[in-house]
C-alpha cells in the first residue's frame, strides 16, 4: 500500500520524483567521498604532523565519537523540525569552512577544535539524507531505496580510502583539506538545485522508479516483534562502530608495524570497506535476511573474530583474509540498524539521527577503551584490542538477552 504523502511538507512531497531520488544519491556519494577521505586519513595526519602515538590517536577517535553521538541526535531532530534541505545546506557549509580553516591551523588544539566543528556539520547531513530517501515510501520500495543508499555511501567510502593514500603521497597533506572542500562545494550546489526542483514538483509527486522487491511479510512471521529488531539494530551497530573506529585510528600504527606507506595502507586496509560495499549489494538484492535474528547474530560473531585477527596478528595475509570476513559482517549489522530505523516509525529524520547517534556511541567507547587499556598495560600492545573484544562479547550477550526477553505476542 502506498503511504499518504499529504501530511509531509510540500518540499518533501516533491522529493518523491525519481529524478530527485537519483540526484540525492549523487549528493550522498559526494558527502561520503569528502568525509571518508578526511576522517579516515586524519590519524595519519596527526601521526605525521603532531607525532601522535597509538594511544593519542585512539583518544582523538573517542573524542570525535563523543561529539558525533550528541551532534547526530541533535542533527536528526534539527532535520525533522527545520527540513532536510536546510539541515544539509547548513552541515555542508560548516564542513567546508572547518576544512579550509584547518588547512591553515598550525597547533594541535586548533586542528582538533576545527575537526570537531566539521564533525558537527557532518552530523547535520547524514540523518537528513537518510530521511530524504525514506520519507513517504511504502515498505517494498523502501527496501530498494535503502539498498541503493547503502551501496553508494559504502562504495564511495571504499573508493576514498583506497585512493586516499595515493593522493596524499602525490599531492601532499594539504589535499586532505582541499579535496573534501571541493567535493562539498559541488554538494552544496547540488543540494540547492534538488531543493528548487522539489518545490516545483511538490504538486505532482511520482515515486522513484525502482523495482518493487518482494513484500516483507517475514517481519510478521518472526516470533520476535519488529520493534525488538529495531532495538537489536541500535545495539549491534554501535558495537560494530566500536570495532570500526578502533581499526581506523589504529591503522597508522598497524601500517608502521608492517612497513606500509600511506598509499600501500590505503590499498590494503581498504579491503574491508570494499567487501562491505559488495555485501550491501547482496543484501539489497536479497531481502530474506530481514527480521531474522540468526543472520544478525552470526554476523556479529564473525565481526568479533575478524576484528581481533586483523589487529592482533601482524601478518599481511591474515590482514587481507580477516578484512574479507569483516566487511560483510559489518555490512549486515549496519544495514540492519538503518533498515529497521527507516522501516519502523514515521519520523525518518529523527530515527536517522538516533541511528547515527548510536554509531557515535560506539565510536566513543571503542577507542576510549583501547586507549585506557594501553595506558594501564603499556607493555602489552594488544591490550587495547583485547579490551575491545571483551566489550564486543558483552554486546553479543545483550543481543541474546533482548531477543529472548521480548517475544512477539501470538496473533
Protein backbone atom coordinates (compact mmCIF):
# COMPACT_ATOMS: atom_id res chain seq x y z
CA UNK A 1 0.00 0.00 0.00
CA UNK A 2 1.26 3.49 -0.88
CA UNK A 3 1.80 5.86 2.00
CA UNK A 4 -0.24 9.04 2.20
CA UNK A 5 2.10 11.93 1.35
CA UNK A 6 -0.35 14.69 2.19
CA UNK A 7 0.99 15.11 5.71
CA UNK A 8 4.54 15.76 4.50
CA UNK A 9 5.91 19.27 3.92
CA UNK A 10 5.42 20.24 0.24
CA UNK A 11 9.16 20.24 -0.48
CA UNK A 12 9.42 16.68 0.87
CA UNK A 13 6.41 15.52 -1.13
CA UNK A 14 8.04 16.93 -4.25
CA UNK A 15 11.17 14.98 -3.50
CA UNK A 16 9.32 11.74 -4.30
CA UNK A 17 10.08 12.03 -8.03
CA UNK A 18 12.58 9.55 -9.44
CA UNK A 19 14.77 12.32 -10.85
CA UNK A 20 15.29 13.82 -7.43
CA UNK A 21 15.77 10.48 -5.68
CA UNK A 22 18.60 9.82 -8.13
CA UNK A 23 20.08 13.26 -7.51
CA UNK A 24 20.20 12.74 -3.75
CA UNK A 25 22.22 9.59 -4.27
CA UNK A 26 24.81 11.73 -6.08
CA UNK A 27 24.71 14.15 -3.15
CA UNK A 28 25.21 11.25 -0.75
CA UNK A 29 28.20 10.00 -2.75
CA UNK A 30 29.91 13.39 -2.69
CA UNK A 31 29.35 13.63 1.06
CA UNK A 32 30.77 10.15 1.62
CA UNK A 33 33.86 10.77 -0.54
CA UNK A 34 34.66 14.02 1.24
CA UNK A 35 34.12 12.88 4.82
CA UNK A 36 35.82 9.49 4.41
CA UNK A 37 38.94 10.97 2.84
CA UNK A 38 39.29 13.49 5.64
CA UNK A 39 38.35 11.46 8.71
CA UNK A 40 39.93 8.14 7.74
CA UNK A 41 43.29 9.76 6.99
CA UNK A 42 43.14 12.22 9.88
CA UNK A 43 45.06 9.76 12.07
CA UNK A 44 47.87 9.54 9.54
CA UNK A 45 47.97 13.35 9.56
CA UNK A 46 48.15 13.65 13.34
CA UNK A 47 50.84 10.94 13.43
CA UNK A 48 52.93 12.75 10.80
CA UNK A 49 52.28 16.37 11.78
CA UNK A 50 51.94 16.20 15.56
CA UNK A 51 53.69 12.86 16.27
CA UNK A 52 50.63 11.23 17.80
CA UNK A 53 51.13 7.69 19.04
CA UNK A 54 48.59 4.86 19.16
CA UNK A 55 47.03 5.97 22.45
CA UNK A 56 46.74 9.62 21.38
CA UNK A 57 45.04 8.71 18.11
CA UNK A 58 42.65 6.43 19.97
CA UNK A 59 41.77 9.24 22.37
CA UNK A 60 41.17 11.59 19.45
CA UNK A 61 38.89 8.99 17.87
CA UNK A 62 36.96 8.66 21.14
CA UNK A 63 36.55 12.43 21.36
CA UNK A 64 35.27 12.60 17.80
CA UNK A 65 32.86 9.77 18.55
CA UNK A 66 31.54 11.56 21.62
CA UNK A 67 30.82 14.71 19.61
CA UNK A 68 29.32 12.65 16.77
CA UNK A 69 26.88 10.93 19.13
CA UNK A 70 25.45 14.15 20.56
CA UNK A 71 25.54 16.08 17.30
CA UNK A 72 23.84 13.27 15.35
CA UNK A 73 20.92 13.12 17.76
CA UNK A 74 20.61 16.89 17.51
CA UNK A 75 21.01 16.69 13.73
CA UNK A 76 18.14 14.25 13.38
CA UNK A 77 15.80 16.45 15.41
CA UNK A 78 17.01 19.56 13.58
CA UNK A 79 16.32 17.96 10.19
CA UNK A 80 12.86 16.81 11.29
CA UNK A 81 11.95 20.26 12.60
CA UNK A 82 13.54 22.64 10.08
CA UNK A 83 13.64 20.47 6.97
CA UNK A 84 16.09 18.09 5.38
CA UNK A 85 17.48 20.57 2.86
CA UNK A 86 18.09 23.25 5.48
CA UNK A 87 19.99 20.71 7.55
CA UNK A 88 22.09 19.52 4.61
CA UNK A 89 23.00 23.02 3.44
CA UNK A 90 23.98 24.10 6.96
CA UNK A 91 26.04 20.98 7.58
CA UNK A 92 27.92 21.15 4.28
CA UNK A 93 28.68 24.86 4.75
CA UNK A 94 30.07 24.21 8.25
CA UNK A 95 32.30 21.40 6.94
CA UNK A 96 33.68 23.50 4.09
CA UNK A 97 34.58 26.33 6.44
CA UNK A 98 36.14 23.99 9.00
CA UNK A 99 38.23 22.10 6.42
CA UNK A 100 39.60 25.27 4.85
CA UNK A 101 40.40 26.77 8.25
CA UNK A 102 42.03 23.51 9.32
CA UNK A 103 44.39 23.72 6.35
CA UNK A 104 45.81 26.90 7.93
CA UNK A 105 45.91 25.66 11.55
CA UNK A 106 49.38 25.17 12.99
CA UNK A 107 48.61 23.92 16.50
CA UNK A 108 47.21 20.67 17.84
CA UNK A 109 44.41 22.34 19.80
CA UNK A 110 43.15 24.42 16.87
CA UNK A 111 43.30 21.45 14.49
CA UNK A 112 41.28 19.29 16.87
CA UNK A 113 38.75 22.06 17.53
CA UNK A 114 38.15 22.57 13.80
CA UNK A 115 37.94 18.83 13.24
CA UNK A 116 35.25 18.62 15.92
CA UNK A 117 33.39 21.51 14.30
CA UNK A 118 33.47 19.72 10.96
CA UNK A 119 32.08 16.63 12.69
CA UNK A 120 29.12 18.66 13.96
CA UNK A 121 28.48 19.82 10.40
CA UNK A 122 28.68 16.24 9.10
CA UNK A 123 26.07 15.20 11.67
CA UNK A 124 23.58 17.63 10.10
CA UNK A 125 23.87 15.83 6.75
CA UNK A 126 23.55 12.08 7.32
CA UNK A 127 20.22 11.98 9.23
CA UNK A 128 18.72 14.35 6.64
CA UNK A 129 19.96 12.25 3.72
CA UNK A 130 18.56 9.10 5.34
CA UNK A 131 15.24 10.84 5.88
CA UNK A 132 15.06 12.05 2.29
CA UNK A 133 15.46 8.64 0.75
CA UNK A 134 12.90 7.08 3.14
CA UNK A 135 10.14 9.64 3.68
CA UNK A 136 6.74 8.66 2.34
CA UNK A 137 7.88 5.32 0.93
CA UNK A 138 5.96 2.00 1.13
CA UNK A 139 7.85 -0.96 2.66
CA UNK A 140 8.65 -2.79 -0.60
CA UNK A 141 10.09 0.33 -2.22
CA UNK A 142 11.92 1.29 0.98
CA UNK A 143 13.99 -1.92 0.71
CA UNK A 144 15.23 -0.83 -2.72
CA UNK A 145 15.96 2.74 -1.69
CA UNK A 146 17.83 1.86 1.49
CA UNK A 147 19.78 -0.71 -0.53
CA UNK A 148 20.88 1.83 -3.12
CA UNK A 149 21.71 4.32 -0.37
CA UNK A 150 23.93 1.80 1.42
CA UNK A 151 25.68 0.67 -1.75
CA UNK A 152 26.52 4.26 -2.72
CA UNK A 153 27.92 5.52 0.56
CA UNK A 154 29.81 2.29 1.20
CA UNK A 155 31.20 2.13 -2.34
CA UNK A 156 32.35 5.74 -2.32
CA UNK A 157 33.82 5.32 1.19
CA UNK A 158 35.82 2.34 -0.04
CA UNK A 159 36.97 4.31 -3.08
CA UNK A 160 38.01 7.27 -0.91
CA UNK A 161 40.07 5.13 1.45
CA UNK A 162 41.56 3.04 -1.37
CA UNK A 163 42.73 6.12 -3.31
CA UNK A 164 43.33 8.47 -0.39
CA UNK A 165 46.82 7.27 0.46
CA UNK A 166 47.93 7.68 -3.15
CA UNK A 167 46.51 11.22 -3.24
CA UNK A 168 48.35 12.10 -0.05
CA UNK A 169 51.63 10.89 -1.47
CA UNK A 170 51.11 12.67 -4.80
CA UNK A 171 49.50 15.95 -3.69
CA UNK A 172 50.70 16.28 -0.11
CA UNK A 173 48.93 16.62 3.23
CA UNK A 174 47.05 19.78 2.21
CA UNK A 175 44.97 17.69 -0.20
CA UNK A 176 43.31 16.24 2.88
CA UNK A 177 41.57 19.59 3.32
CA UNK A 178 41.21 20.94 -0.21
CA UNK A 179 39.85 17.82 -1.92
CA UNK A 180 36.99 17.34 0.60
CA UNK A 181 36.20 21.08 0.48
CA UNK A 182 35.98 20.99 -3.33
CA UNK A 183 33.70 17.94 -3.25
CA UNK A 184 31.47 19.61 -0.68
CA UNK A 185 31.21 22.78 -2.75
CA UNK A 186 29.73 20.60 -5.52
CA UNK A 187 27.42 19.01 -2.95
CA UNK A 188 26.23 22.43 -1.74
CA UNK A 189 25.35 23.50 -5.28
CA UNK A 190 23.61 20.19 -5.94
CA UNK A 191 21.58 20.42 -2.71
CA UNK A 192 20.29 23.84 -3.74
CA UNK A 193 19.27 22.52 -7.17
CA UNK A 194 17.50 19.49 -5.67
CA UNK A 195 15.51 21.70 -3.29
CA UNK A 196 14.39 24.02 -6.10
CA UNK A 197 13.28 21.06 -8.22
CA UNK A 198 11.48 19.50 -5.25
CA UNK A 199 9.45 22.67 -4.72
CA UNK A 200 8.47 22.69 -8.37
CA UNK A 201 7.48 19.01 -8.26
CA UNK A 202 5.56 19.21 -4.97
CA UNK A 203 2.20 19.33 -6.76
CA UNK A 204 2.88 16.23 -8.87
CA UNK A 205 4.81 13.65 -6.80
CA UNK A 206 5.84 10.42 -8.52
CA UNK A 207 7.51 7.59 -6.68
CA UNK A 208 11.02 6.59 -7.64
CA UNK A 209 11.10 4.05 -10.45
CA UNK A 210 12.86 1.20 -8.66
CA UNK A 211 11.75 -2.43 -8.92
CA UNK A 212 9.40 -3.49 -6.16
CA UNK A 213 11.08 -6.30 -4.30
CA UNK A 214 9.03 -8.97 -2.61
CA UNK A 215 6.87 -7.70 0.29
CA UNK A 216 8.37 -8.15 3.72
CA UNK A 217 5.73 -10.37 5.27
CA UNK A 218 8.58 -12.20 7.00
CA UNK A 219 8.59 -9.42 9.60
CA UNK A 220 5.27 -10.67 10.87
CA UNK A 221 6.08 -14.38 10.74
CA UNK A 222 9.00 -13.88 13.10
CA UNK A 223 8.45 -14.80 16.76
CA UNK A 224 10.16 -11.51 17.61
CA UNK A 225 8.28 -8.21 17.44
CA UNK A 226 9.52 -5.80 14.71
CA UNK A 227 10.19 -3.16 17.38
CA UNK A 228 12.64 -5.57 19.04
CA UNK A 229 14.64 -5.78 15.81
CA UNK A 230 14.91 -2.00 15.91
CA UNK A 231 16.43 -2.27 19.39
CA UNK A 232 18.72 -5.09 18.25
CA UNK A 233 19.96 -2.93 15.40
CA UNK A 234 20.53 0.02 17.70
CA UNK A 235 22.63 -2.20 19.98
CA UNK A 236 24.59 -4.10 17.31
CA UNK A 237 25.52 -1.14 15.13
CA UNK A 238 27.28 0.95 17.78
CA UNK A 239 29.17 -2.19 18.77
CA UNK A 240 30.21 -2.58 15.14
CA UNK A 241 31.42 1.01 15.05
CA UNK A 242 33.19 0.38 18.34
CA UNK A 243 35.32 -2.01 16.28
CA UNK A 244 35.45 0.19 13.16
CA UNK A 245 36.68 3.34 14.87
CA UNK A 246 39.27 1.34 16.79
CA UNK A 247 40.51 -0.07 13.48
CA UNK A 248 40.61 3.27 11.67
CA UNK A 249 42.53 5.01 14.45
CA UNK A 250 44.91 2.03 14.76
CA UNK A 251 45.74 1.67 11.05
CA UNK A 252 48.67 4.16 11.12
CA UNK A 253 50.29 2.09 13.91
CA UNK A 254 49.46 -1.15 12.09
CA UNK A 255 50.89 0.23 8.86
CA UNK A 256 54.11 1.22 10.62
CA UNK A 257 54.43 -2.27 12.11
CA UNK A 258 54.06 -3.86 8.65
CA UNK A 259 56.22 -1.26 6.88
CA UNK A 260 53.34 0.16 4.78
CA UNK A 261 53.42 3.64 3.27
CA UNK A 262 50.14 5.62 3.44
CA UNK A 263 49.48 4.64 -0.18
CA UNK A 264 50.01 0.93 0.47
CA UNK A 265 47.98 1.17 3.68
CA UNK A 266 45.13 2.68 1.66
CA UNK A 267 45.28 -0.12 -0.89
CA UNK A 268 45.47 -2.99 1.61
CA UNK A 269 43.46 -1.66 4.56
CA UNK A 270 40.50 -0.61 2.39
CA UNK A 271 39.63 -4.23 1.61
CA UNK A 272 37.04 -4.42 4.40
CA UNK A 273 35.30 -1.28 3.10
CA UNK A 274 35.11 -2.69 -0.41
CA UNK A 275 33.92 -6.04 0.94
CA UNK A 276 31.26 -4.23 2.95
CA UNK A 277 30.08 -2.40 -0.18
CA UNK A 278 29.81 -5.73 -2.04
CA UNK A 279 27.82 -7.16 0.87
CA UNK A 280 25.43 -4.22 0.70
CA UNK A 281 24.69 -5.08 -2.93
CA UNK A 282 23.89 -8.69 -1.99
CA UNK A 283 21.75 -7.68 0.99
CA UNK A 284 19.88 -5.16 -1.16
CA UNK A 285 19.06 -7.78 -3.81
CA UNK A 286 18.08 -10.46 -1.27
CA UNK A 287 15.68 -9.25 1.45
CA UNK A 288 15.39 -12.68 3.09
CA UNK A 289 17.62 -11.56 5.94
CA UNK A 290 15.03 -9.05 7.16
CA UNK A 291 13.75 -9.77 10.68
CA UNK A 292 15.92 -12.89 11.03
CA UNK A 293 17.89 -12.89 14.27
CA UNK A 294 20.25 -15.72 13.31
CA UNK A 295 21.76 -13.68 10.47
CA UNK A 296 22.47 -10.74 12.77
CA UNK A 297 23.95 -12.97 15.49
CA UNK A 298 26.20 -14.86 13.04
CA UNK A 299 27.47 -11.62 11.50
CA UNK A 300 28.24 -10.29 14.98
CA UNK A 301 30.36 -13.33 15.90
CA UNK A 302 32.28 -13.12 12.60
CA UNK A 303 32.89 -9.42 13.26
CA UNK A 304 34.47 -10.10 16.67
CA UNK A 305 36.78 -12.84 15.39
CA UNK A 306 37.93 -10.97 12.28
CA UNK A 307 38.45 -7.73 14.22
CA UNK A 308 40.76 -9.49 16.67
CA UNK A 309 42.68 -11.24 13.89
CA UNK A 310 43.13 -8.05 11.89
CA UNK A 311 44.76 -6.10 14.72
CA UNK A 312 46.47 -8.84 16.75
CA UNK A 313 48.14 -10.96 14.05
CA UNK A 314 50.92 -8.99 12.27
CA UNK A 315 50.72 -10.90 9.01
CA UNK A 316 49.67 -9.37 5.65
CA UNK A 317 47.73 -12.46 4.56
CA UNK A 318 45.83 -12.64 7.85
CA UNK A 319 45.13 -8.92 7.44
CA UNK A 320 43.61 -9.50 3.99
CA UNK A 321 41.57 -12.59 4.96
CA UNK A 322 40.21 -11.03 8.15
CA UNK A 323 39.03 -7.98 6.19
CA UNK A 324 37.24 -10.19 3.65
CA UNK A 325 35.23 -11.61 6.56
CA UNK A 326 34.90 -8.36 8.48
CA UNK A 327 33.38 -6.35 5.62
CA UNK A 328 30.25 -8.48 5.02
CA UNK A 329 29.66 -8.89 8.76
CA UNK A 330 29.78 -5.13 9.31
CA UNK A 331 27.58 -4.66 6.25
CA UNK A 332 24.73 -6.78 7.60
CA UNK A 333 24.93 -5.16 11.04
CA UNK A 334 24.86 -1.62 9.64
CA UNK A 335 22.13 -2.47 7.12
CA UNK A 336 20.00 -3.93 9.93
CA UNK A 337 20.21 -0.78 12.03
CA UNK A 338 19.43 1.61 9.20
CA UNK A 339 16.72 -0.53 7.61
CA UNK A 340 14.82 -1.10 10.85
CA UNK A 341 15.21 2.60 11.74
CA UNK A 342 13.62 3.59 8.45
CA UNK A 343 11.06 0.75 8.28
CA UNK A 344 9.61 1.26 11.77
CA UNK A 345 8.15 4.62 12.70
CA UNK A 346 7.22 7.79 10.82
CA UNK A 347 9.81 10.35 11.97
CA UNK A 348 12.51 9.36 9.48
CA UNK A 349 14.87 12.24 10.19
CA UNK A 350 14.69 11.73 13.94
CA UNK A 351 15.15 7.97 13.63
CA UNK A 352 18.06 8.60 11.29
CA UNK A 353 19.56 10.82 13.98
CA UNK A 354 19.20 8.07 16.60
CA UNK A 355 20.81 5.59 14.19
CA UNK A 356 23.77 7.95 13.66
CA UNK A 357 23.99 8.83 17.36
CA UNK A 358 24.27 5.13 18.18
CA UNK A 359 27.21 5.00 15.77
CA UNK A 360 28.79 7.86 17.71
CA UNK A 361 28.40 5.98 20.98
CA UNK A 362 30.31 3.05 19.53
CA UNK A 363 32.91 5.40 18.05
CA UNK A 364 33.49 6.78 21.54
CA UNK A 365 33.55 3.62 23.64
CA UNK A 366 35.78 1.50 21.39
CA UNK A 367 38.83 3.75 21.00
CA UNK A 368 38.39 5.11 24.53
CA UNK A 369 38.53 1.60 25.99
CA UNK A 370 41.53 0.69 23.84
CA UNK A 371 43.37 3.85 24.89
CA UNK A 372 42.66 3.17 28.57
CA UNK A 373 43.93 -0.39 28.25
CA UNK A 374 47.15 0.82 26.63
CA UNK A 375 47.57 3.30 29.48
CA UNK A 376 47.19 0.66 32.16
CA UNK A 377 49.14 -2.04 30.30
CA UNK A 378 51.77 -0.12 28.31
CA UNK A 379 53.97 -3.18 27.90
CA UNK A 380 51.23 -5.11 26.07
CA UNK A 381 50.41 -3.54 22.66
CA UNK A 382 47.49 -5.94 22.16
CA UNK A 383 45.79 -4.99 25.42
CA UNK A 384 43.62 -2.36 23.73
CA UNK A 385 42.28 -4.82 21.17
CA UNK A 386 41.62 -7.45 23.84
CA UNK A 387 39.70 -4.92 25.93
CA UNK A 388 37.54 -4.01 22.93
CA UNK A 389 36.89 -7.71 22.27
CA UNK A 390 35.56 -8.07 25.81
CA UNK A 391 33.15 -5.20 25.16
CA UNK A 392 32.06 -6.81 21.90
CA UNK A 393 31.39 -10.07 23.75
CA UNK A 394 29.23 -8.17 26.23
CA UNK A 395 27.32 -6.68 23.32
CA UNK A 396 26.59 -10.16 21.96
CA UNK A 397 25.16 -11.14 25.34
CA UNK A 398 22.89 -8.08 25.25
CA UNK A 399 21.63 -9.07 21.78
CA UNK A 400 20.63 -12.52 23.00
CA UNK A 401 19.03 -11.05 26.12
CA UNK A 402 16.89 -8.72 24.01
CA UNK A 403 15.99 -11.46 21.55
CA UNK A 404 14.65 -13.85 24.21
CA UNK A 405 13.26 -11.19 26.52
CA UNK A 406 10.84 -9.66 24.04
CA UNK A 407 8.76 -12.18 22.16
CA UNK A 408 6.08 -11.11 19.72
CA UNK A 409 2.63 -11.90 21.15
CA UNK A 410 0.72 -14.58 19.21
CA UNK A 411 -1.61 -13.25 16.50
